Amino acid sequence: MLLEISGLTKYFGGLAAVNQLDFHINKGEISGLIGPNGAGKTTVFNLITGVFPPTTGRVTFDGIDITGKKPHQIAELGIGRTFQLNPLFADFTVLENVSASFHLRPKSSWLDAYFNTATYRRNEAYILEQSLEILQLVGLDKVKDELAKNLPHGYQKMLGIARALATKPKLLLLDEPIAGMNPDEIDFTLTNIRRTQQQGVTFLIVEHNMQILDLCDRVVVINFGQKITEGLPQEVRKNKEVIQAYFGG
């Protein structure tokens, strides 16, 4: 078990955005957290990553209680995330976007950079090598020299994932990775997420598009901040509460 959520609750004023939520994620799997718009999915992400402190409940990651820790502390422990709106460097190339993310964990000092020391040069060579490997993994190696702002929507989403992978996460949280994509972009994204999983990355994916079920090993469904079911994708598709949550009575 890599992540465990126990009794997670978040109130905003008198509104329970998340209410007594329990679920876990096993190492190496792709888990889905789905539900209709406004179900509380992104709030759950923000609670896991320390953007919001929970009202009650606990978040345990890799055996460590991370409840109430700051976002940068949680990131250092190995949780990465993407966002619905990708915060890319629009005028950087694809390769430069990924390389810049490595500098969140510098292995050389500003003095090394200023004097162009051997340590700095080795670190820059390492960053270039690792960046190219990540781009190949997520299928963006052929567009590495394109400016981020010129990429199609689906490629921009995948570049956000590539940047998150540069932080070397054990668990990667993807916030609506296929939102607004056409069918070809969805196929491209799902294929490359699966390739990344095969390299040992664990995923938790928030989506309201139920096509994400094709990718997931296990799925948690929430509505109005509460879990309504959990299980295998084929079980979730047939669940009457899930159908009612998405399509009404």
Protein backbone atom coordinates (compact mmCIF):
# COMPACT_ATOMS: atom_id res chain seq x y z
CA MET A 1 0.00 0.00 0.00
CA LEU A 2 1.52 3.31 -1.12
CA LEU A 3 -1.20 5.80 -0.16
CA GLU A 4 -3.95 5.45 2.43
CA ILE A 5 -6.79 7.92 2.94
CA SER A 6 -8.68 7.52 6.23
CA GLY A 7 -11.79 9.47 7.19
CA LEU A 8 -10.72 12.43 5.06
CA THR A 9 -13.08 15.38 5.53
CA LYS A 10 -12.93 19.01 4.39
CA TYR A 11 -15.45 21.69 5.27
CA PHE A 12 -15.60 25.09 3.58
CA GLY A 13 -17.85 27.00 5.93
CA GLY A 14 -20.86 24.75 6.40
CA LEU A 15 -20.28 22.81 3.18
CA ALA A 16 -18.66 19.38 3.32
CA ALA A 17 -16.66 19.26 0.07
CA VAL A 18 -15.18 15.89 1.12
CA ASN A 19 -16.86 13.77 3.77
CA GLN A 20 -15.37 10.75 5.59
CA LEU A 21 -13.53 9.46 2.52
CA ASP A 22 -11.59 6.20 2.76
CA PHE A 23 -9.54 4.50 0.04
CA HIS A 24 -6.03 3.29 -0.68
CA ILE A 25 -3.63 2.94 -3.61
CA ASN A 26 -1.27 0.01 -4.10
CA LYS A 27 2.22 0.41 -5.50
CA GLY A 28 2.45 0.10 -9.25
CA GLU A 29 -1.24 0.44 -10.09
CA ILE A 30 -3.30 3.03 -11.90
CA SER A 31 -6.21 4.07 -9.71
CA GLY A 32 -9.05 6.26 -10.85
CA LEU A 33 -10.96 8.79 -8.76
CA ILE A 34 -14.03 9.63 -10.80
CA GLY A 35 -17.33 11.38 -10.35
CA PRO A 36 -19.49 14.04 -11.98
CA ASN A 37 -18.48 17.70 -12.05
CA GLY A 38 -18.48 19.18 -8.56
CA ALA A 39 -18.07 15.80 -6.83
CA GLY A 40 -15.02 16.94 -4.85
CA LYS A 41 -12.30 15.20 -6.86
CA THR A 42 -9.86 18.11 -7.17
CA THR A 43 -10.41 18.96 -3.50
CA VAL A 44 -9.20 15.44 -2.65
CA PHE A 45 -6.04 16.11 -4.68
CA ASN A 46 -5.50 19.38 -2.86
CA LEU A 47 -5.86 17.62 0.50
CA ILE A 48 -3.37 14.90 -0.46
CA THR A 49 -0.79 17.41 -1.72
CA GLY A 50 -1.10 19.84 1.18
CA VAL A 51 -2.77 22.72 -0.67
CA PHE A 52 -5.62 22.51 1.86
CA PRO A 53 -5.37 21.12 5.40
CA PRO A 54 -8.11 18.55 6.11
CA THR A 55 -10.78 19.35 8.68
CA THR A 56 -10.44 15.79 9.97
CA GLY A 57 -8.92 12.55 8.73
CA ARG A 58 -5.47 11.30 7.81
CA VAL A 59 -3.29 10.86 4.74
CA THR A 60 -0.49 8.28 4.93
CA PHE A 61 2.09 8.00 2.14
CA ASP A 62 4.64 5.21 2.00
CA GLY A 63 4.23 4.63 5.74
CA ILE A 64 4.56 8.33 6.67
CA ASP A 65 1.71 10.45 8.04
CA ILE A 66 1.71 13.48 5.71
CA THR A 67 -1.46 15.07 7.07
CA GLY A 68 -0.97 18.81 7.36
CA LYS A 69 2.49 18.89 5.73
CA LYS A 70 3.35 21.69 3.31
CA PRO A 71 3.13 21.06 -0.46
CA HIS A 72 6.93 21.24 -0.95
CA GLN A 73 7.47 18.72 1.86
CA ILE A 74 4.99 16.31 0.29
CA ALA A 75 6.62 16.76 -3.14
CA GLU A 76 10.03 15.96 -1.66
CA LEU A 77 8.62 12.70 -0.24
CA GLY A 78 7.66 11.61 -3.77
CA ILE A 79 4.17 12.83 -4.69
CA GLY A 80 3.93 14.74 -7.97
CA ARG A 81 0.87 16.19 -9.63
CA THR A 82 -0.48 17.86 -12.72
CA PHE A 83 -3.26 20.44 -12.93
CA GLN A 84 -6.39 20.95 -15.02
CA LEU A 85 -4.73 24.06 -16.48
CA ASN A 86 -1.14 23.23 -17.40
CA PRO A 87 1.35 25.79 -16.01
CA LEU A 88 3.81 25.43 -18.89
CA PHE A 89 6.58 27.81 -19.94
CA ALA A 90 4.88 28.80 -23.18
CA ASP A 91 7.96 30.27 -24.87
CA PHE A 92 10.29 27.44 -23.83
CA THR A 93 10.78 24.40 -26.03
CA VAL A 94 9.41 21.04 -24.95
CA LEU A 95 12.90 19.95 -23.90
CA GLU A 96 13.52 23.17 -21.98
CA ASN A 97 10.23 22.75 -20.09
CA VAL A 98 11.27 19.32 -18.83
CA SER A 99 14.87 20.36 -18.11
CA ALA A 100 13.65 23.31 -16.04
CA SER A 101 11.69 20.95 -13.79
CA PHE A 102 14.88 19.14 -12.80
CA HIS A 103 16.17 22.34 -11.25
CA LEU A 104 13.57 21.97 -8.50
CA ARG A 105 16.05 19.49 -7.04
CA PRO A 106 19.44 21.02 -7.83
CA LYS A 107 22.59 18.92 -7.52
CA SER A 108 24.94 21.86 -8.00
CA SER A 109 25.08 25.28 -6.38
CA TRP A 110 24.77 28.72 -7.92
CA LEU A 111 28.52 29.07 -7.44
CA ASP A 112 29.05 25.95 -9.56
CA ALA A 113 26.87 27.52 -12.25
CA TYR A 114 28.64 30.87 -12.07
CA PHE A 115 32.10 29.34 -12.40
CA ASN A 116 30.95 26.59 -14.80
CA THR A 117 32.60 23.92 -12.65
CA ALA A 118 32.95 20.25 -13.55
CA THR A 119 30.16 19.47 -11.07
CA TYR A 120 27.83 21.88 -12.86
CA ARG A 121 28.70 20.50 -16.30
CA ARG A 122 28.12 16.90 -15.15
CA ASN A 123 24.78 17.90 -13.64
CA GLU A 124 23.67 19.65 -16.84
CA ALA A 125 24.64 16.62 -18.92
CA TYR A 126 22.66 14.39 -16.53
CA ILE A 127 19.60 16.66 -16.78
CA LEU A 128 19.75 16.62 -20.59
CA GLU A 129 20.04 12.82 -20.68
CA GLN A 130 17.17 12.32 -18.23
CA SER A 131 14.96 14.89 -19.97
CA LEU A 132 15.39 13.14 -23.32
CA GLU A 133 14.56 9.78 -21.71
CA ILE A 134 11.35 11.20 -20.22
CA LEU A 135 10.31 12.73 -23.54
CA GLN A 136 10.86 9.41 -25.28
CA LEU A 137 8.84 7.64 -22.58
CA VAL A 138 5.82 9.93 -22.99
CA GLY A 139 6.01 10.09 -26.78
CA LEU A 140 7.20 13.69 -27.13
CA ASP A 141 10.77 13.11 -28.30
CA LYS A 142 9.92 14.01 -31.90
CA VAL A 143 8.64 17.46 -30.87
CA LYS A 144 11.36 18.24 -28.32
CA ASP A 145 12.41 21.43 -30.15
CA GLU A 146 8.88 22.82 -30.59
CA LEU A 147 7.73 25.71 -28.41
CA ALA A 148 5.24 24.56 -25.78
CA LYS A 149 2.65 27.13 -26.90
CA ASN A 150 2.60 25.63 -30.41
CA LEU A 151 1.75 22.10 -29.30
CA PRO A 152 -1.72 20.59 -29.75
CA HIS A 153 -3.82 20.41 -26.59
CA GLY A 154 -3.15 16.70 -26.01
CA TYR A 155 0.60 17.15 -26.34
CA GLN A 156 0.52 20.05 -23.89
CA LYS A 157 -1.23 17.81 -21.36
CA MET A 158 1.41 15.13 -21.85
CA LEU A 159 4.16 17.73 -21.45
CA GLY A 160 2.66 18.54 -18.05
CA ILE A 161 3.03 14.87 -17.15
CA ALA A 162 6.62 14.86 -18.43
CA ARG A 163 7.46 17.85 -16.24
CA ALA A 164 5.96 16.10 -13.22
CA LEU A 165 8.03 12.98 -13.97
CA ALA A 166 11.19 15.11 -13.78
CA THR A 167 10.58 15.41 -10.01
CA LYS A 168 11.06 11.61 -9.75
CA PRO A 169 7.69 10.87 -8.10
CA LYS A 170 6.71 7.55 -6.54
CA LEU A 171 3.07 8.57 -6.95
CA LEU A 172 1.80 10.86 -9.70
CA LEU A 173 -1.60 12.56 -9.39
CA LEU A 174 -3.15 13.50 -12.74
CA ASP A 175 -5.98 16.04 -12.68
CA GLU A 176 -8.28 15.46 -15.66
CA PRO A 177 -5.53 14.42 -18.12
CA ILE A 178 -7.94 13.79 -21.02
CA ALA A 179 -10.31 16.73 -20.53
CA GLY A 180 -11.06 18.58 -23.76
CA MET A 181 -9.20 16.10 -25.99
CA ASN A 182 -10.28 14.66 -29.30
CA PRO A 183 -10.29 10.84 -29.74
CA ASP A 184 -6.77 10.70 -31.24
CA GLU A 185 -5.35 12.78 -28.39
CA ILE A 186 -7.09 10.59 -25.83
CA ASP A 187 -5.58 7.44 -27.37
CA PHE A 188 -2.13 9.08 -27.40
CA THR A 189 -2.41 10.10 -23.75
CA LEU A 190 -3.77 6.80 -22.42
CA THR A 191 -1.11 4.82 -24.30
CA ASN A 192 1.73 6.87 -22.88
CA ILE A 193 0.38 6.86 -19.31
CA ARG A 194 0.32 3.06 -19.49
CA ARG A 195 3.92 3.03 -20.79
CA THR A 196 4.95 5.21 -17.87
CA GLN A 197 3.25 2.90 -15.39
CA GLN A 198 5.27 0.01 -16.77
CA GLN A 199 8.40 1.91 -15.69
CA GLY A 200 7.27 1.70 -12.06
CA VAL A 201 5.27 4.89 -11.52
CA THR A 202 2.02 4.64 -9.53
CA PHE A 203 -0.88 6.83 -10.66
CA LEU A 204 -4.01 8.32 -9.17
CA ILE A 205 -6.13 9.91 -11.89
CA VAL A 206 -9.01 12.31 -11.34
CA GLU A 207 -11.51 12.41 -14.21
CA HIS A 208 -15.18 12.95 -14.94
CA ASN A 209 -14.79 11.35 -18.39
CA MET A 210 -15.59 7.68 -17.85
CA GLN A 211 -13.34 6.67 -20.75
CA ILE A 212 -10.54 6.76 -18.18
CA LEU A 213 -11.92 3.44 -16.91
CA ASP A 214 -10.19 1.78 -19.88
CA LEU A 215 -6.86 2.66 -18.26
CA CYS A 216 -7.49 1.99 -14.57
CA ASP A 217 -6.76 -1.12 -12.52
CA ARG A 218 -9.17 0.00 -9.78
CA VAL A 219 -11.64 2.86 -9.43
CA VAL A 220 -13.11 4.92 -6.59
CA VAL A 221 -16.29 6.85 -7.39
CA ILE A 222 -17.36 9.86 -5.33
CA ASN A 223 -20.33 12.22 -5.46
CA PHE A 224 -20.92 15.25 -3.24
CA GLY A 225 -17.63 14.42 -1.51
CA GLN A 226 -18.63 10.92 -0.44
CA LYS A 227 -17.56 7.54 -1.79
CA ILE A 228 -20.44 5.74 -3.46
CA THR A 229 -18.53 2.69 -4.67
CA GLU A 230 -15.07 1.22 -5.28
CA GLY A 231 -13.99 -1.69 -7.43
CA LEU A 232 -12.83 -2.95 -10.81
CA PRO A 233 -13.70 -0.83 -13.86
CA GLN A 234 -16.17 -3.39 -15.21
CA GLU A 235 -17.98 -3.40 -11.86
CA VAL A 236 -18.14 0.38 -11.69
CA ARG A 237 -19.62 0.68 -15.20
CA LYS A 238 -22.63 -1.41 -14.14
CA ASN A 239 -23.17 0.15 -10.72
CA LYS A 240 -26.64 1.73 -10.47
CA GLU A 241 -25.48 4.48 -8.07
CA VAL A 242 -22.73 5.47 -10.50
CA ILE A 243 -25.13 5.59 -13.44
CA GLN A 244 -27.54 7.71 -11.41
CA ALA A 245 -24.76 10.09 -10.30
CA TYR A 246 -23.69 10.70 -13.90
CA PHE A 247 -27.03 10.60 -15.69
CA GLY A 248 -29.66 11.22 -13.01
CA GLY A 249 -32.67 9.14 -12.06
